């Protein structure tokens, strides 16, 4: 079950902000911040529809939603920046690196080797950046 029941009385915008923070963490907020000077209203749309309406629905756990999202973005083969954000999100909601690699490899069957290669190279970058980032627990 997703966070829907915890946010039942919240507005779409507030549900979306909470979901984005839980799922994407810093990566999601960087996307929103990058829109501030060109399309600030678009950030609200991102909060409200994908995160406030869709990610907050009951029926699939956040982990399962990220599996579907990673697979879809990898299959598209033209959304590498978004794929990287959702690989981070997948790690944030409990996917392992091995599971993300398997999701991408599965896409070779349905989207072709070029899409899978792009996805694997994106995963390699995400994993390397995450490994190089200081651990918050170490800073405490």
N, C-alpha and C. Protein backbone atom coordinates (compact mmCIF):
# COMPACT_ATOMS: atom_id res chain seq x y z
N UNK A 1 0.84 -1.18 0.00
CA UNK A 1 0.00 0.00 0.00
C UNK A 1 0.89 1.24 0.00
N UNK A 2 0.48 2.24 -0.73
CA UNK A 2 1.24 3.48 -0.78
C UNK A 2 0.84 4.40 0.36
N UNK A 3 1.30 5.61 0.32
CA UNK A 3 1.06 6.57 1.38
C UNK A 3 -0.31 7.21 1.30
N UNK A 4 -1.18 6.77 0.42
CA UNK A 4 -2.48 7.39 0.19
C UNK A 4 -3.26 7.61 1.48
N UNK A 5 -3.36 6.62 2.32
CA UNK A 5 -4.17 6.75 3.52
C UNK A 5 -3.60 7.80 4.47
N UNK A 6 -2.30 7.96 4.53
CA UNK A 6 -1.68 8.98 5.39
C UNK A 6 -1.98 10.38 4.91
N UNK A 7 -2.26 10.53 3.61
CA UNK A 7 -2.43 11.85 3.02
C UNK A 7 -3.86 12.08 2.53
N UNK A 8 -4.81 11.34 3.05
CA UNK A 8 -6.18 11.38 2.52
C UNK A 8 -6.76 12.79 2.52
N UNK A 9 -6.52 13.60 3.55
CA UNK A 9 -7.09 14.93 3.63
C UNK A 9 -6.24 16.02 3.02
N UNK A 10 -5.05 15.70 2.57
CA UNK A 10 -4.13 16.69 2.04
C UNK A 10 -4.52 17.10 0.62
N UNK A 11 -4.14 18.30 0.23
CA UNK A 11 -4.36 18.75 -1.14
C UNK A 11 -3.46 17.97 -2.09
N UNK A 12 -3.78 18.03 -3.36
CA UNK A 12 -2.94 17.37 -4.37
C UNK A 12 -1.51 17.88 -4.28
N UNK A 13 -1.37 19.20 -4.13
CA UNK A 13 -0.04 19.80 -4.07
C UNK A 13 0.73 19.30 -2.85
N UNK A 14 0.09 19.28 -1.69
CA UNK A 14 0.77 18.82 -0.48
C UNK A 14 1.09 17.32 -0.55
N UNK A 15 0.15 16.52 -1.04
CA UNK A 15 0.42 15.07 -1.24
C UNK A 15 1.61 14.89 -2.15
N UNK A 16 1.64 15.67 -3.24
CA UNK A 16 2.72 15.58 -4.20
C UNK A 16 4.06 15.97 -3.62
N UNK A 17 4.08 17.04 -2.84
CA UNK A 17 5.33 17.46 -2.20
C UNK A 17 5.85 16.38 -1.25
N UNK A 18 4.95 15.81 -0.47
CA UNK A 18 5.37 14.75 0.46
C UNK A 18 5.88 13.53 -0.29
N UNK A 19 5.16 13.15 -1.34
CA UNK A 19 5.57 11.98 -2.11
C UNK A 19 6.92 12.22 -2.79
N UNK A 20 7.10 13.37 -3.39
CA UNK A 20 8.37 13.68 -4.05
C UNK A 20 9.52 13.61 -3.06
N UNK A 21 9.33 14.19 -1.88
CA UNK A 21 10.38 14.17 -0.86
C UNK A 21 10.72 12.74 -0.46
N UNK A 22 9.70 11.91 -0.29
CA UNK A 22 9.92 10.52 0.13
C UNK A 22 10.57 9.69 -0.97
N UNK A 23 10.16 9.89 -2.19
CA UNK A 23 10.60 9.05 -3.30
C UNK A 23 11.91 9.53 -3.89
N UNK A 24 11.96 10.77 -4.32
CA UNK A 24 13.11 11.27 -5.07
C UNK A 24 14.13 12.01 -4.23
N UNK A 25 13.74 12.47 -3.07
CA UNK A 25 14.68 13.19 -2.22
C UNK A 25 15.31 14.37 -2.93
N UNK A 26 16.62 14.50 -2.80
CA UNK A 26 17.34 15.65 -3.36
C UNK A 26 17.24 15.71 -4.88
N UNK A 27 17.24 14.57 -5.55
CA UNK A 27 17.19 14.56 -7.02
C UNK A 27 15.90 15.21 -7.52
N UNK A 28 14.79 14.91 -6.88
CA UNK A 28 13.52 15.51 -7.28
C UNK A 28 13.48 17.00 -7.02
N UNK A 29 14.02 17.41 -5.90
CA UNK A 29 14.04 18.83 -5.58
C UNK A 29 14.96 19.60 -6.52
N UNK A 30 16.01 18.97 -7.02
CA UNK A 30 16.88 19.62 -7.99
C UNK A 30 16.13 19.87 -9.30
N UNK A 31 15.28 18.94 -9.71
CA UNK A 31 14.48 19.12 -10.92
C UNK A 31 13.54 20.30 -10.72
N UNK A 32 12.86 20.34 -9.58
CA UNK A 32 11.92 21.43 -9.30
C UNK A 32 12.66 22.77 -9.26
N UNK A 33 13.80 22.81 -8.59
CA UNK A 33 14.58 24.05 -8.50
C UNK A 33 15.05 24.52 -9.88
N UNK A 34 15.38 23.58 -10.74
CA UNK A 34 15.85 23.94 -12.08
C UNK A 34 14.74 24.57 -12.92
N UNK A 35 13.49 24.33 -12.56
CA UNK A 35 12.36 24.91 -13.28
C UNK A 35 11.97 26.30 -12.79
N UNK A 36 12.47 26.69 -11.63
CA UNK A 36 12.02 27.92 -10.97
C UNK A 36 12.15 29.16 -11.84
N UNK A 37 13.21 29.26 -12.62
CA UNK A 37 13.41 30.48 -13.41
C UNK A 37 12.79 30.42 -14.80
N UNK A 38 12.32 29.25 -15.22
CA UNK A 38 11.73 29.17 -16.56
C UNK A 38 10.26 28.79 -16.54
N UNK A 39 9.85 27.91 -15.66
CA UNK A 39 8.46 27.46 -15.63
C UNK A 39 8.06 27.01 -14.23
N UNK A 40 7.96 27.95 -13.30
CA UNK A 40 7.65 27.56 -11.92
C UNK A 40 6.30 26.86 -11.79
N UNK A 41 5.33 27.19 -12.62
CA UNK A 41 4.04 26.51 -12.56
C UNK A 41 4.16 25.03 -12.92
N UNK A 42 5.12 24.72 -13.79
CA UNK A 42 5.32 23.32 -14.18
C UNK A 42 5.72 22.47 -12.98
N UNK A 43 6.47 23.05 -12.05
CA UNK A 43 6.84 22.33 -10.83
C UNK A 43 5.58 21.93 -10.06
N UNK A 44 4.62 22.84 -9.97
CA UNK A 44 3.36 22.51 -9.30
C UNK A 44 2.64 21.38 -10.02
N UNK A 45 2.67 21.39 -11.35
CA UNK A 45 2.04 20.31 -12.10
C UNK A 45 2.71 18.98 -11.79
N UNK A 46 4.04 19.01 -11.67
CA UNK A 46 4.77 17.78 -11.31
C UNK A 46 4.38 17.29 -9.91
N UNK A 47 4.26 18.21 -8.99
CA UNK A 47 3.84 17.83 -7.64
C UNK A 47 2.43 17.23 -7.68
N UNK A 48 1.52 17.91 -8.35
CA UNK A 48 0.11 17.55 -8.27
C UNK A 48 -0.23 16.26 -9.02
N UNK A 49 0.10 16.18 -10.30
CA UNK A 49 -0.36 15.03 -11.07
C UNK A 49 0.46 13.77 -10.82
N UNK A 50 1.74 13.71 -11.21
CA UNK A 50 2.45 12.44 -11.03
C UNK A 50 2.55 12.02 -9.56
N UNK A 51 2.89 12.97 -8.69
CA UNK A 51 3.15 12.59 -7.31
C UNK A 51 1.92 12.70 -6.42
N UNK A 52 1.13 13.75 -6.57
CA UNK A 52 -0.06 13.92 -5.74
C UNK A 52 -1.20 13.01 -6.12
N UNK A 53 -1.35 12.73 -7.42
CA UNK A 53 -2.45 11.88 -7.89
C UNK A 53 -2.03 10.43 -8.13
N UNK A 54 -0.98 10.22 -8.89
CA UNK A 54 -0.63 8.86 -9.32
C UNK A 54 0.20 8.10 -8.29
N UNK A 55 1.33 8.65 -7.88
CA UNK A 55 2.18 7.95 -6.92
C UNK A 55 1.48 7.74 -5.57
N UNK A 56 0.52 8.58 -5.25
CA UNK A 56 -0.17 8.49 -3.96
C UNK A 56 -1.37 7.56 -3.98
N UNK A 57 -1.66 6.94 -5.10
CA UNK A 57 -2.80 6.03 -5.19
C UNK A 57 -2.51 4.72 -4.44
N UNK A 58 -3.55 4.11 -3.92
CA UNK A 58 -3.37 2.77 -3.35
C UNK A 58 -3.24 1.75 -4.48
N UNK A 59 -2.75 0.58 -4.17
CA UNK A 59 -2.73 -0.48 -5.17
C UNK A 59 -1.34 -0.97 -5.51
N UNK A 60 -0.37 -0.07 -5.51
CA UNK A 60 1.02 -0.45 -5.75
C UNK A 60 1.89 0.23 -4.70
N UNK A 61 2.86 -0.48 -4.22
CA UNK A 61 3.85 0.12 -3.32
C UNK A 61 4.76 1.04 -4.13
N UNK A 62 5.37 2.00 -3.45
CA UNK A 62 6.29 2.92 -4.13
C UNK A 62 7.41 2.15 -4.84
N UNK A 63 7.88 1.09 -4.23
CA UNK A 63 8.93 0.27 -4.84
C UNK A 63 8.47 -0.29 -6.19
N UNK A 64 7.24 -0.78 -6.23
CA UNK A 64 6.69 -1.34 -7.47
C UNK A 64 6.49 -0.25 -8.52
N UNK A 65 6.06 0.91 -8.07
CA UNK A 65 5.89 2.02 -9.02
C UNK A 65 7.23 2.43 -9.63
N UNK A 66 8.29 2.39 -8.84
CA UNK A 66 9.61 2.74 -9.37
C UNK A 66 10.12 1.67 -10.33
N UNK A 67 9.81 0.41 -10.09
CA UNK A 67 10.18 -0.64 -11.05
C UNK A 67 9.54 -0.34 -12.41
N UNK A 68 8.24 -0.03 -12.38
CA UNK A 68 7.53 0.28 -13.63
C UNK A 68 8.10 1.53 -14.30
N UNK A 69 8.41 2.53 -13.51
CA UNK A 69 8.92 3.79 -14.06
C UNK A 69 10.31 3.61 -14.66
N UNK A 70 11.17 2.91 -13.97
CA UNK A 70 12.52 2.66 -14.49
C UNK A 70 12.42 1.88 -15.80
N UNK A 71 11.58 0.86 -15.83
CA UNK A 71 11.42 0.07 -17.05
C UNK A 71 10.91 0.94 -18.20
N UNK A 72 9.90 1.74 -17.93
CA UNK A 72 9.33 2.58 -18.99
C UNK A 72 10.33 3.60 -19.52
N UNK A 73 11.03 4.26 -18.61
CA UNK A 73 12.00 5.27 -19.05
C UNK A 73 13.18 4.63 -19.79
N UNK A 74 13.61 3.47 -19.34
CA UNK A 74 14.69 2.78 -20.05
C UNK A 74 14.22 2.37 -21.45
N UNK A 75 13.01 1.88 -21.55
CA UNK A 75 12.47 1.46 -22.85
C UNK A 75 12.33 2.63 -23.81
N UNK A 76 12.03 3.81 -23.29
CA UNK A 76 11.92 4.99 -24.14
C UNK A 76 13.25 5.34 -24.79
N UNK A 77 14.33 5.13 -24.08
CA UNK A 77 15.69 5.36 -24.57
C UNK A 77 16.01 6.82 -24.88
N UNK A 78 15.11 7.73 -24.60
CA UNK A 78 15.37 9.15 -24.86
C UNK A 78 15.10 10.01 -23.63
N UNK A 79 15.09 9.40 -22.45
CA UNK A 79 14.78 10.12 -21.23
C UNK A 79 15.81 9.80 -20.15
N UNK A 80 17.08 9.82 -20.53
CA UNK A 80 18.14 9.43 -19.60
C UNK A 80 18.18 10.30 -18.34
N UNK A 81 18.02 11.63 -18.43
CA UNK A 81 18.02 12.41 -17.18
C UNK A 81 16.92 11.96 -16.21
N UNK A 82 15.72 11.73 -16.73
CA UNK A 82 14.63 11.27 -15.89
C UNK A 82 14.87 9.85 -15.39
N UNK A 83 15.47 9.01 -16.22
CA UNK A 83 15.80 7.65 -15.81
C UNK A 83 16.75 7.67 -14.62
N UNK A 84 17.74 8.55 -14.66
CA UNK A 84 18.69 8.64 -13.55
C UNK A 84 17.99 9.07 -12.25
N UNK A 85 17.10 10.05 -12.36
CA UNK A 85 16.36 10.49 -11.18
C UNK A 85 15.56 9.32 -10.59
N UNK A 86 14.94 8.53 -11.46
CA UNK A 86 14.12 7.42 -10.97
C UNK A 86 14.95 6.22 -10.53
N UNK A 87 16.16 6.09 -11.01
CA UNK A 87 17.05 5.07 -10.44
C UNK A 87 17.40 5.46 -9.01
N UNK A 88 17.68 6.74 -8.79
CA UNK A 88 17.91 7.24 -7.42
C UNK A 88 16.67 6.98 -6.56
N UNK A 89 15.51 7.27 -7.12
CA UNK A 89 14.27 7.06 -6.38
C UNK A 89 14.09 5.58 -6.05
N UNK A 90 14.40 4.72 -7.01
CA UNK A 90 14.31 3.28 -6.76
C UNK A 90 15.19 2.84 -5.60
N UNK A 91 16.39 3.35 -5.57
CA UNK A 91 17.29 3.06 -4.45
C UNK A 91 16.71 3.60 -3.15
N UNK A 92 16.09 4.78 -3.21
CA UNK A 92 15.50 5.39 -2.02
C UNK A 92 14.33 4.59 -1.45
N UNK A 93 13.60 3.89 -2.32
CA UNK A 93 12.42 3.15 -1.85
C UNK A 93 12.67 1.65 -1.74
N UNK A 94 13.94 1.25 -1.78
CA UNK A 94 14.26 -0.14 -1.45
C UNK A 94 14.75 -1.04 -2.55
N UNK A 95 14.87 -0.54 -3.77
CA UNK A 95 15.44 -1.38 -4.82
C UNK A 95 16.95 -1.49 -4.61
N UNK A 96 17.50 -2.63 -4.96
CA UNK A 96 18.95 -2.79 -4.90
C UNK A 96 19.54 -2.44 -6.26
N UNK A 97 20.82 -2.24 -6.28
CA UNK A 97 21.52 -1.99 -7.55
C UNK A 97 21.31 -3.18 -8.49
N UNK A 98 21.39 -4.38 -7.94
CA UNK A 98 21.22 -5.58 -8.75
C UNK A 98 19.83 -5.62 -9.39
N UNK A 99 18.81 -5.23 -8.63
CA UNK A 99 17.45 -5.22 -9.18
C UNK A 99 17.33 -4.19 -10.30
N UNK A 100 17.92 -3.03 -10.12
CA UNK A 100 17.86 -2.01 -11.17
C UNK A 100 18.56 -2.51 -12.43
N UNK A 101 19.70 -3.14 -12.28
CA UNK A 101 20.40 -3.70 -13.44
C UNK A 101 19.54 -4.74 -14.13
N UNK A 102 18.88 -5.59 -13.37
CA UNK A 102 18.01 -6.62 -13.97
C UNK A 102 16.82 -6.01 -14.69
N UNK A 103 16.24 -4.95 -14.14
CA UNK A 103 15.14 -4.26 -14.80
C UNK A 103 15.61 -3.74 -16.16
N UNK A 104 16.77 -3.12 -16.18
CA UNK A 104 17.31 -2.57 -17.43
C UNK A 104 17.62 -3.69 -18.42
N UNK A 105 18.23 -4.76 -17.94
CA UNK A 105 18.54 -5.89 -18.84
C UNK A 105 17.27 -6.49 -19.44
N UNK A 106 16.20 -6.54 -18.66
CA UNK A 106 14.92 -7.05 -19.16
C UNK A 106 14.42 -6.21 -20.34
N UNK A 107 14.74 -4.94 -20.33
CA UNK A 107 14.28 -4.05 -21.41
C UNK A 107 14.96 -4.35 -22.74
N UNK A 108 16.10 -5.04 -22.72
CA UNK A 108 16.74 -5.42 -23.98
C UNK A 108 15.81 -6.29 -24.82
N UNK A 109 15.00 -7.10 -24.15
CA UNK A 109 14.08 -7.99 -24.85
C UNK A 109 12.98 -7.19 -25.54
N UNK A 110 12.48 -6.16 -24.89
CA UNK A 110 11.31 -5.44 -25.39
C UNK A 110 11.62 -4.11 -26.06
N UNK A 111 12.74 -3.49 -25.71
CA UNK A 111 13.06 -2.17 -26.26
C UNK A 111 14.34 -2.19 -27.08
N UNK A 112 15.08 -3.30 -27.04
CA UNK A 112 16.29 -3.42 -27.83
C UNK A 112 17.56 -3.18 -27.03
N UNK A 113 18.65 -3.64 -27.62
CA UNK A 113 19.95 -3.50 -26.96
C UNK A 113 20.39 -2.05 -26.79
N UNK A 114 20.16 -1.15 -27.77
CA UNK A 114 20.58 0.23 -27.55
C UNK A 114 19.91 0.86 -26.32
N UNK A 115 18.62 0.62 -26.14
CA UNK A 115 17.92 1.17 -24.97
C UNK A 115 18.50 0.58 -23.69
N UNK A 116 18.76 -0.72 -23.68
CA UNK A 116 19.32 -1.35 -22.49
C UNK A 116 20.74 -0.84 -22.22
N UNK A 117 21.53 -0.68 -23.25
CA UNK A 117 22.88 -0.15 -23.07
C UNK A 117 22.84 1.26 -22.48
N UNK A 118 21.97 2.11 -23.02
CA UNK A 118 21.83 3.47 -22.48
C UNK A 118 21.44 3.40 -21.01
N UNK A 119 20.51 2.53 -20.68
CA UNK A 119 20.07 2.38 -19.30
C UNK A 119 21.16 1.87 -18.39
N UNK A 120 21.94 0.92 -18.85
CA UNK A 120 23.03 0.37 -18.03
C UNK A 120 24.11 1.42 -17.79
N UNK A 121 24.43 2.21 -18.80
CA UNK A 121 25.42 3.26 -18.61
C UNK A 121 24.89 4.34 -17.67
N UNK A 122 23.61 4.63 -17.74
CA UNK A 122 23.01 5.58 -16.80
C UNK A 122 23.09 5.03 -15.38
N UNK A 123 22.80 3.75 -15.21
CA UNK A 123 22.88 3.12 -13.89
C UNK A 123 24.30 3.18 -13.35
N UNK A 124 25.26 2.93 -14.22
CA UNK A 124 26.66 2.99 -13.81
C UNK A 124 27.00 4.37 -13.25
N UNK A 125 26.52 5.42 -13.92
CA UNK A 125 26.76 6.80 -13.46
C UNK A 125 26.07 7.06 -12.11
N UNK A 126 24.81 6.64 -12.00
CA UNK A 126 24.07 6.86 -10.75
C UNK A 126 24.75 6.15 -9.60
N UNK A 127 25.13 4.90 -9.82
CA UNK A 127 25.75 4.12 -8.74
C UNK A 127 27.09 4.74 -8.33
N UNK A 128 27.88 5.21 -9.31
CA UNK A 128 29.18 5.81 -9.01
C UNK A 128 29.01 7.11 -8.22
N UNK A 129 28.05 7.94 -8.64
CA UNK A 129 27.81 9.20 -7.92
C UNK A 129 27.32 8.94 -6.51
N UNK A 130 26.48 7.95 -6.37
CA UNK A 130 25.94 7.62 -5.05
C UNK A 130 27.05 7.08 -4.14
N UNK A 131 27.95 6.28 -4.70
CA UNK A 131 29.05 5.73 -3.92
C UNK A 131 30.03 6.82 -3.50
N UNK A 132 30.17 7.85 -4.34
CA UNK A 132 31.11 8.93 -4.05
C UNK A 132 30.52 9.97 -3.09
N UNK A 133 29.20 10.01 -2.97
CA UNK A 133 28.55 11.00 -2.10
C UNK A 133 28.82 10.66 -0.64
N UNK A 134 29.03 11.69 0.17
CA UNK A 134 29.24 11.43 1.60
C UNK A 134 27.97 10.84 2.22
N UNK A 135 28.16 9.87 3.05
CA UNK A 135 27.04 9.22 3.74
C UNK A 135 26.59 10.12 4.87
N UNK A 136 25.27 10.40 4.92
CA UNK A 136 24.73 11.29 5.96
C UNK A 136 25.01 10.74 7.34
N UNK A 137 25.01 9.42 7.50
CA UNK A 137 25.26 8.82 8.80
C UNK A 137 26.70 9.06 9.24
N UNK A 138 27.64 9.11 8.26
CA UNK A 138 29.04 9.36 8.59
C UNK A 138 29.26 10.77 9.08
N UNK A 139 28.42 11.72 8.60
CA UNK A 139 28.57 13.11 8.97
C UNK A 139 28.06 13.38 10.40
N UNK A 140 27.21 12.51 10.89
CA UNK A 140 26.63 12.72 12.23
C UNK A 140 27.60 12.40 13.34
